[in-house]
Amino acid sequence: MTIATGTMSRPGGAGVRSVRSRLGRRPLALAAAGLAALAAALVLGVAAGTVFVPPIDTVAILVHRLFGIDLGVTWTQAEQTIVLDLRLPRVLTAMTVGAGLAVAGATFQGLLRNPLADPYVLGTASGAALGAAVAVLLPIRGLVLEFGLLHGLAFAGALVAVVVVYRLSRVGGHGQMTSLLLTGYAVSSLLAAGLAMAMYFSGAGLRQIFSYLLGGFEASSWLRLAGAAPLVLGASILIGLRARALNGFLLGDEAAAHLGIDVRRERGILLALASLATAAAVAVSGLVGFVGLVAPHVVRLVVGPNARLVLPLAAILGAVLMVVADLAARLLGEIPVGVVTAVIGAPFFLALLRRTRAGYEL
């Protein structure tokens, strides 16, 4: 992928074109392979852990619970509890968050025509982090459907940050994406200062704030998944239905307008949907980096910039990456998922860029 002056263009290089010529014309085969990898990640993520449940037992439990089919495999009640009540909601939450962040990342990269954009580019992360920190400081406790004040204020903070960035970026009357990016950076810096002050006064709550900042799925449950999944998946599906508009934005605002796209309206809708998916994801998982930035890159290197292909394939890849990262975090002693995604993901992406001879010209 070649980037000039901060904009996104078609990937270049003979290696990338060769791969795309072989795979780009078989999107269904790629999707099938991705779904197979996702199924394998689901089974492995549910089976592995402190108490190992054999994969065949895991599959038998899932098939029996979902479809009522008896595969002739016996299992203990303890294994069933581990699979259905502890690990399955955690793995499904990781899948949902990974898919949502990947779709949001692909959307922001397409809208901004900037491959360096990620789901947190409009201050979503800073707003969520400040909301979570404020929740830790407030002497209020309680749960509503297993969502505490921390999750609620993190979600609200993320959405408020995006609204503030969008409103301020239109003060000059242009609403250009450069203004949006710069405003997002300024608001994020201001929110980061507020977060630093909240952490300074947090006292014993500092560990809880750090835990949120580094991300994790150890508190996942069926109720939390039921609260977040409709928002994340619903927003992702609606973004996919607007793939044509996203493709138009890749050509520039003028070209998109010539194609009959209401630029201002579609941009606002796509920004709102991507921000909603991101806010709902970080409310249940904390701040997890890398996946929303890199998953769209990897897919785009293979199939090109067409949003109709990038969005669903990026969602599948993001889900797989998040499940694998969470599994690694569990096996390493419940370390933060954000640490795993950075340590494992960044070198992998750098190697991928080097092999495809892609570069950045800033």
Protein backbone atom coordinates (compact mmCIF):
# COMPACT_ATOMS: atom_id res chain seq x y z
CA MET A 1 0.00 0.00 0.00
CA THR A 2 1.42 3.38 -0.97
CA ILE A 3 0.39 6.47 0.91
CA ALA A 4 1.21 9.97 -0.17
CA THR A 5 0.49 13.19 1.77
CA GLY A 6 -1.56 11.31 4.31
CA THR A 7 -4.15 10.00 1.86
CA MET A 8 -4.96 6.46 0.98
CA SER A 9 -4.37 5.11 -2.51
CA ARG A 10 -4.43 1.71 -4.12
CA PRO A 11 -1.84 -0.73 -2.82
CA GLY A 12 1.11 -1.10 -5.10
CA GLY A 13 3.88 -3.55 -5.70
CA ALA A 14 4.12 -6.61 -7.89
CA GLY A 15 3.72 -8.96 -4.92
CA VAL A 16 0.49 -7.36 -3.78
CA ARG A 17 -0.95 -7.30 -7.32
CA SER A 18 -0.04 -10.95 -7.78
CA VAL A 19 -1.78 -11.97 -4.55
CA ARG A 20 -4.80 -9.87 -5.39
CA SER A 21 -5.06 -11.31 -8.90
CA ARG A 22 -5.25 -14.81 -7.39
CA LEU A 23 -7.50 -14.05 -4.44
CA GLY A 24 -9.35 -10.85 -5.21
CA ARG A 25 -11.62 -12.60 -7.68
CA ARG A 26 -12.69 -15.19 -5.12
CA PRO A 27 -14.20 -13.19 -2.26
CA LEU A 28 -16.52 -16.05 -1.33
CA ALA A 29 -13.56 -18.40 -0.93
CA LEU A 30 -11.81 -15.82 1.26
CA ALA A 31 -14.95 -15.33 3.35
CA ALA A 32 -15.34 -19.10 3.73
CA ALA A 33 -11.73 -19.44 4.85
CA GLY A 34 -12.19 -16.59 7.29
CA LEU A 35 -15.34 -18.11 8.76
CA ALA A 36 -13.56 -21.45 9.13
CA ALA A 37 -10.74 -19.70 11.00
CA LEU A 38 -13.33 -17.93 13.13
CA ALA A 39 -15.02 -21.23 14.01
CA ALA A 40 -11.66 -22.76 14.89
CA ALA A 41 -10.81 -19.74 17.05
CA LEU A 42 -14.18 -20.06 18.79
CA VAL A 43 -13.64 -23.71 19.66
CA LEU A 44 -10.02 -23.17 20.74
CA GLY A 45 -10.92 -20.08 22.75
CA VAL A 46 -13.65 -21.97 24.62
CA ALA A 47 -11.62 -25.15 25.09
CA ALA A 48 -8.31 -23.71 26.30
CA GLY A 49 -7.71 -22.19 29.69
CA THR A 50 -6.72 -23.02 33.24
CA VAL A 51 -9.01 -26.04 33.01
CA PHE A 52 -8.66 -27.58 29.55
CA VAL A 53 -11.83 -28.92 27.98
CA PRO A 54 -11.08 -31.24 25.03
CA PRO A 55 -12.17 -29.68 21.71
CA ILE A 56 -14.42 -32.63 20.89
CA ASP A 57 -16.21 -32.16 24.21
CA THR A 58 -16.45 -28.44 23.56
CA VAL A 59 -18.00 -29.00 20.14
CA ALA A 60 -20.40 -31.61 21.55
CA ILE A 61 -21.56 -29.25 24.31
CA LEU A 62 -22.08 -26.38 21.87
CA VAL A 63 -23.91 -28.49 19.30
CA HIS A 64 -26.12 -30.04 21.95
CA ARG A 65 -26.98 -26.65 23.47
CA LEU A 66 -27.53 -24.83 20.17
CA PHE A 67 -29.13 -27.51 18.01
CA GLY A 68 -30.18 -30.23 20.46
CA ILE A 69 -28.05 -32.79 18.62
CA ASP A 70 -26.34 -35.53 20.61
CA LEU A 71 -22.92 -36.41 19.16
CA GLY A 72 -22.50 -39.39 21.47
CA VAL A 73 -19.88 -37.64 23.59
CA THR A 74 -20.19 -37.46 27.35
CA TRP A 75 -19.00 -34.57 29.48
CA THR A 76 -19.15 -33.49 33.10
CA GLN A 77 -21.40 -30.84 34.56
CA ALA A 78 -18.33 -28.81 35.46
CA GLU A 79 -17.17 -28.83 31.84
CA GLN A 80 -20.59 -27.68 30.67
CA THR A 81 -20.58 -24.82 33.15
CA ILE A 82 -17.10 -23.73 32.09
CA VAL A 83 -17.99 -23.82 28.40
CA LEU A 84 -21.46 -22.25 28.47
CA ASP A 85 -21.36 -19.88 31.43
CA LEU A 86 -17.74 -18.75 31.64
CA ARG A 87 -15.86 -19.03 28.36
CA LEU A 88 -18.48 -18.86 25.59
CA PRO A 89 -19.79 -15.37 26.54
CA ARG A 90 -16.20 -14.18 26.87
CA VAL A 91 -15.20 -15.49 23.43
CA LEU A 92 -18.35 -14.13 21.79
CA THR A 93 -17.73 -10.75 23.42
CA ALA A 94 -14.18 -10.74 22.06
CA MET A 95 -15.50 -11.60 18.60
CA THR A 96 -18.07 -8.81 18.76
CA VAL A 97 -15.55 -6.22 19.90
CA GLY A 98 -12.96 -7.30 17.33
CA ALA A 99 -15.46 -7.20 14.48
CA GLY A 100 -16.86 -3.84 15.55
CA LEU A 101 -13.46 -2.19 15.91
CA ALA A 102 -12.30 -3.55 12.54
CA VAL A 103 -15.40 -2.26 10.75
CA ALA A 104 -15.13 1.10 12.50
CA GLY A 105 -11.44 1.32 11.58
CA ALA A 106 -12.16 0.54 7.93
CA THR A 107 -14.89 3.19 7.94
CA PHE A 108 -12.70 5.93 9.39
CA GLN A 109 -9.85 5.04 7.04
CA GLY A 110 -12.21 5.28 4.07
CA LEU A 111 -13.87 8.50 5.18
CA LEU A 112 -10.61 10.23 6.01
CA ARG A 113 -8.73 8.59 3.12
CA ASN A 114 -5.97 8.01 5.64
CA PRO A 115 -4.64 4.52 6.45
CA LEU A 116 -3.34 5.77 9.80
CA ALA A 117 -6.87 6.40 11.08
CA ASP A 118 -8.21 4.04 13.72
CA PRO A 119 -11.52 3.73 15.60
CA TYR A 120 -10.26 6.17 18.25
CA VAL A 121 -9.34 8.99 15.88
CA LEU A 122 -12.21 11.28 16.94
CA GLY A 123 -11.45 11.12 20.64
CA THR A 124 -13.51 8.03 21.40
CA ALA A 125 -10.76 6.44 23.47
CA SER A 126 -9.99 9.57 25.46
CA GLY A 127 -13.67 10.21 26.15
CA ALA A 128 -14.27 6.63 27.25
CA ALA A 129 -11.16 6.61 29.44
CA LEU A 130 -12.12 9.87 31.14
CA GLY A 131 -15.67 8.60 31.69
CA ALA A 132 -14.33 5.41 33.27
CA ALA A 133 -11.95 7.38 35.49
CA VAL A 134 -14.73 9.68 36.67
CA ALA A 135 -16.85 6.62 37.47
CA VAL A 136 -14.06 5.28 39.67
CA LEU A 137 -13.87 8.59 41.55
CA LEU A 138 -17.61 8.90 42.17
CA PRO A 139 -18.84 7.30 45.42
CA ILE A 140 -21.68 5.56 43.60
CA ARG A 141 -21.93 1.84 43.06
CA GLY A 142 -24.56 -0.38 41.53
CA LEU A 143 -25.31 -2.63 38.59
CA VAL A 144 -28.03 -2.51 35.96
CA LEU A 145 -28.05 -5.72 33.92
CA GLU A 146 -24.44 -6.21 35.08
CA PHE A 147 -23.43 -2.82 33.65
CA GLY A 148 -21.89 -0.61 36.29
CA LEU A 149 -21.31 3.13 36.38
CA LEU A 150 -17.88 2.62 34.80
CA HIS A 151 -19.35 1.04 31.67
CA GLY A 152 -22.13 3.60 31.42
CA LEU A 153 -19.86 6.64 31.77
CA ALA A 154 -17.29 5.11 29.42
CA PHE A 155 -19.97 4.69 26.77
CA ALA A 156 -21.35 8.18 27.37
CA GLY A 157 -17.88 9.74 27.41
CA ALA A 158 -16.97 8.15 24.09
CA LEU A 159 -20.13 9.41 22.39
CA VAL A 160 -19.90 12.90 23.93
CA ALA A 161 -16.30 13.21 22.75
CA VAL A 162 -17.29 12.37 19.18
CA VAL A 163 -20.20 14.82 19.22
CA VAL A 164 -17.97 17.60 20.56
CA VAL A 165 -15.31 16.92 17.94
CA TYR A 166 -17.84 16.89 15.11
CA ARG A 167 -19.56 20.08 16.27
CA LEU A 168 -16.32 21.99 16.79
CA SER A 169 -14.88 20.90 13.44
CA ARG A 170 -17.81 22.60 11.69
CA VAL A 171 -17.29 25.98 13.36
CA GLY A 172 -15.29 27.20 10.40
CA GLY A 173 -18.12 26.32 8.04
CA HIS A 174 -16.17 23.78 6.01
CA GLY A 175 -16.54 20.47 7.80
CA GLN A 176 -13.47 19.21 5.95
CA MET A 177 -11.87 16.00 7.12
CA THR A 178 -8.58 17.76 7.89
CA SER A 179 -10.44 20.00 10.32
CA LEU A 180 -12.11 16.94 11.83
CA LEU A 181 -8.77 15.21 12.37
CA LEU A 182 -7.14 18.26 13.94
CA THR A 183 -10.13 18.88 16.17
CA GLY A 184 -10.10 15.24 17.22
CA TYR A 185 -6.44 15.52 18.15
CA ALA A 186 -7.01 18.71 20.16
CA VAL A 187 -10.04 17.36 22.03
CA SER A 188 -8.24 14.07 22.71
CA SER A 189 -5.33 16.00 24.23
CA LEU A 190 -7.70 17.96 26.45
CA LEU A 191 -9.48 14.80 27.57
CA ALA A 192 -6.13 13.11 28.21
CA ALA A 193 -5.25 15.97 30.56
CA GLY A 194 -8.53 15.42 32.38
CA LEU A 195 -7.76 11.70 32.58
CA ALA A 196 -4.35 12.42 34.06
CA MET A 197 -5.94 14.57 36.77
CA ALA A 198 -8.54 11.91 37.51
CA MET A 199 -5.81 9.29 37.84
CA TYR A 200 -3.84 11.60 40.12
CA PHE A 201 -6.78 11.88 42.52
CA SER A 202 -7.96 8.28 42.15
CA GLY A 203 -5.92 6.83 45.01
CA ALA A 204 -6.80 3.16 45.47
CA GLY A 205 -8.88 3.24 42.27
CA LEU A 206 -5.81 3.74 40.09
CA ARG A 207 -5.46 0.02 39.40
CA GLN A 208 -9.06 -0.17 38.18
CA ILE A 209 -8.46 2.74 35.79
CA PHE A 210 -5.30 1.14 34.44
CA SER A 211 -7.14 -2.14 33.97
CA TYR A 212 -9.71 -0.37 31.82
CA LEU A 213 -7.07 1.50 29.83
CA LEU A 214 -5.29 -1.75 28.94
CA GLY A 215 -8.45 -3.65 28.00
CA GLY A 216 -9.73 -7.10 28.88
CA PHE A 217 -12.66 -9.52 28.77
CA GLU A 218 -12.41 -11.18 32.18
CA ALA A 219 -15.68 -9.57 33.31
CA SER A 220 -17.66 -10.73 30.27
CA SER A 221 -21.14 -12.20 30.80
CA TRP A 222 -24.22 -13.05 28.77
CA LEU A 223 -26.03 -9.93 29.97
CA ARG A 224 -23.15 -7.60 29.05
CA LEU A 225 -22.88 -9.27 25.67
CA ALA A 226 -26.63 -8.84 25.15
CA GLY A 227 -26.28 -5.14 25.94
CA ALA A 228 -23.31 -4.43 23.67
CA ALA A 229 -23.79 -6.82 20.72
CA PRO A 230 -26.93 -5.19 19.25
CA LEU A 231 -25.21 -1.80 19.15
CA VAL A 232 -21.89 -3.05 17.78
CA LEU A 233 -23.27 -5.51 15.25
CA GLY A 234 -26.21 -3.30 14.30
CA ALA A 235 -23.95 -0.34 13.56
CA SER A 236 -21.53 -2.58 11.64
CA ILE A 237 -24.31 -4.00 9.47
CA LEU A 238 -25.66 -0.53 8.69
CA ILE A 239 -22.15 0.58 7.72
CA GLY A 240 -21.91 -2.42 5.38
CA LEU A 241 -25.16 -1.38 3.72
CA ARG A 242 -23.53 1.98 2.97
CA ALA A 243 -20.46 0.49 1.30
CA ARG A 244 -21.27 2.29 -1.95
CA ALA A 245 -21.05 5.67 -0.22
CA LEU A 246 -17.80 4.67 1.44
CA ASN A 247 -16.36 3.70 -1.94
CA GLY A 248 -17.38 7.10 -3.24
CA PHE A 249 -15.53 8.88 -0.43
CA LEU A 250 -12.34 7.05 -1.43
CA LEU A 251 -12.47 9.03 -4.70
CA GLY A 252 -12.88 12.38 -2.95
CA ASP A 253 -15.85 14.55 -2.05
CA GLU A 254 -16.34 15.96 -5.54
CA ALA A 255 -16.28 12.56 -7.20
CA ALA A 256 -18.67 11.20 -4.57
CA ALA A 257 -21.08 14.05 -5.21
CA HIS A 258 -20.94 13.38 -8.97
CA LEU A 259 -21.92 9.78 -8.21
CA GLY A 260 -25.11 11.03 -6.59
CA ILE A 261 -23.96 10.66 -2.98
CA ASP A 262 -25.18 13.24 -0.48
CA VAL A 263 -21.70 13.87 0.90
CA ARG A 264 -22.60 15.74 4.07
CA ARG A 265 -25.45 13.42 5.01
CA GLU A 266 -23.65 10.15 4.30
CA ARG A 267 -20.49 11.30 6.04
CA GLY A 268 -22.43 12.22 9.15
CA ILE A 269 -24.27 8.89 9.17
CA LEU A 270 -21.09 6.86 8.68
CA LEU A 271 -19.22 8.82 11.36
CA ALA A 272 -22.12 8.31 13.79
CA LEU A 273 -22.39 4.57 13.11
CA ALA A 274 -18.63 3.96 13.38
CA SER A 275 -18.48 5.98 16.59
CA LEU A 276 -21.45 4.10 18.05
CA ALA A 277 -19.82 0.73 17.31
CA THR A 278 -16.56 1.91 18.86
CA ALA A 279 -18.21 3.35 21.96
CA ALA A 280 -20.24 0.21 22.61
CA ALA A 281 -17.16 -1.97 22.11
CA VAL A 282 -14.87 -0.05 24.46
CA ALA A 283 -17.63 0.12 27.10
CA VAL A 284 -17.38 -3.65 27.61
CA SER A 285 -13.74 -4.32 26.74
CA GLY A 286 -11.76 -1.23 27.68
CA LEU A 287 -9.28 0.27 25.25
CA VAL A 288 -7.84 -2.36 22.91
CA GLY A 289 -5.56 -1.08 20.18
CA PHE A 290 -4.12 -2.49 16.97
CA VAL A 291 -7.09 -4.53 15.73
CA GLY A 292 -9.12 -1.62 14.37
CA LEU A 293 -6.06 -0.16 12.67
CA VAL A 294 -4.47 -3.24 11.16
CA ALA A 295 -7.31 -5.62 10.26
CA PRO A 296 -8.58 -3.34 7.46
CA HIS A 297 -4.99 -2.93 6.21
CA VAL A 298 -4.41 -6.66 5.91
CA VAL A 299 -7.69 -7.19 4.07
CA ARG A 300 -7.10 -4.23 1.77
CA LEU A 301 -3.68 -5.55 0.80
CA VAL A 302 -5.35 -8.74 -0.46
CA VAL A 303 -8.64 -7.64 -2.00
CA GLY A 304 -8.10 -3.96 -2.75
CA PRO A 305 -10.01 -0.91 -1.49
CA ASN A 306 -13.56 -2.00 -2.40
CA ALA A 307 -15.56 -1.43 0.81
CA ARG A 308 -18.06 -4.14 -0.13
CA LEU A 309 -15.27 -6.66 0.35
CA VAL A 310 -13.14 -4.89 2.95
CA LEU A 311 -15.88 -4.39 5.54
CA PRO A 312 -17.09 -8.00 5.97
CA LEU A 313 -13.63 -9.54 5.61
CA ALA A 314 -12.14 -7.03 8.06
CA ALA A 315 -14.92 -7.88 10.54
CA ILE A 316 -14.07 -11.58 10.32
CA LEU A 317 -10.32 -10.96 10.65
CA GLY A 318 -10.84 -8.54 13.54
CA ALA A 319 -12.95 -11.12 15.37
CA VAL A 320 -10.32 -13.83 14.88
CA LEU A 321 -7.48 -11.57 16.01
CA MET A 322 -9.33 -10.50 19.15
CA VAL A 323 -10.19 -14.08 20.16
CA VAL A 324 -6.59 -15.19 19.64
CA ALA A 325 -5.29 -12.20 21.62
CA ASP A 326 -7.70 -12.87 24.48
CA LEU A 327 -6.74 -16.55 24.53
CA ALA A 328 -3.06 -15.60 24.73
CA ALA A 329 -3.85 -13.16 27.53
CA ARG A 330 -5.63 -15.90 29.49
CA LEU A 331 -2.89 -18.46 29.02
CA LEU A 332 -0.26 -15.95 30.12
CA GLY A 333 -2.04 -15.33 33.41
CA GLU A 334 -4.82 -12.86 32.57
CA ILE A 335 -2.55 -10.10 31.36
CA PRO A 336 -4.29 -7.17 29.61
CA VAL A 337 -5.47 -7.91 26.09
CA GLY A 338 -4.20 -4.54 24.86
CA VAL A 339 -0.66 -5.59 25.75
CA VAL A 340 -1.02 -8.80 23.76
CA THR A 341 -2.41 -7.07 20.67
CA ALA A 342 0.48 -4.61 20.69
CA VAL A 343 3.27 -7.12 21.36
CA ILE A 344 2.04 -9.73 18.88
CA GLY A 345 0.31 -7.55 16.34
CA ALA A 346 2.74 -4.72 15.75
CA PRO A 347 5.72 -6.89 14.70
CA PHE A 348 3.43 -8.99 12.50
CA PHE A 349 2.14 -5.91 10.73
CA LEU A 350 5.62 -4.47 10.27
CA ALA A 351 6.75 -7.76 8.73
CA LEU A 352 3.73 -7.75 6.44
CA LEU A 353 4.45 -4.22 5.27
CA ARG A 354 8.08 -5.12 4.63
CA ARG A 355 7.19 -8.22 2.61
CA THR A 356 4.70 -6.37 0.45
CA ARG A 357 7.16 -3.49 -0.05
CA ALA A 358 4.57 -1.02 1.09
CA GLY A 359 5.67 2.27 2.58
CA TYR A 360 4.51 5.56 4.01
CA GLU A 361 5.48 8.90 2.54
CA LEU A 362 4.46 11.56 5.03
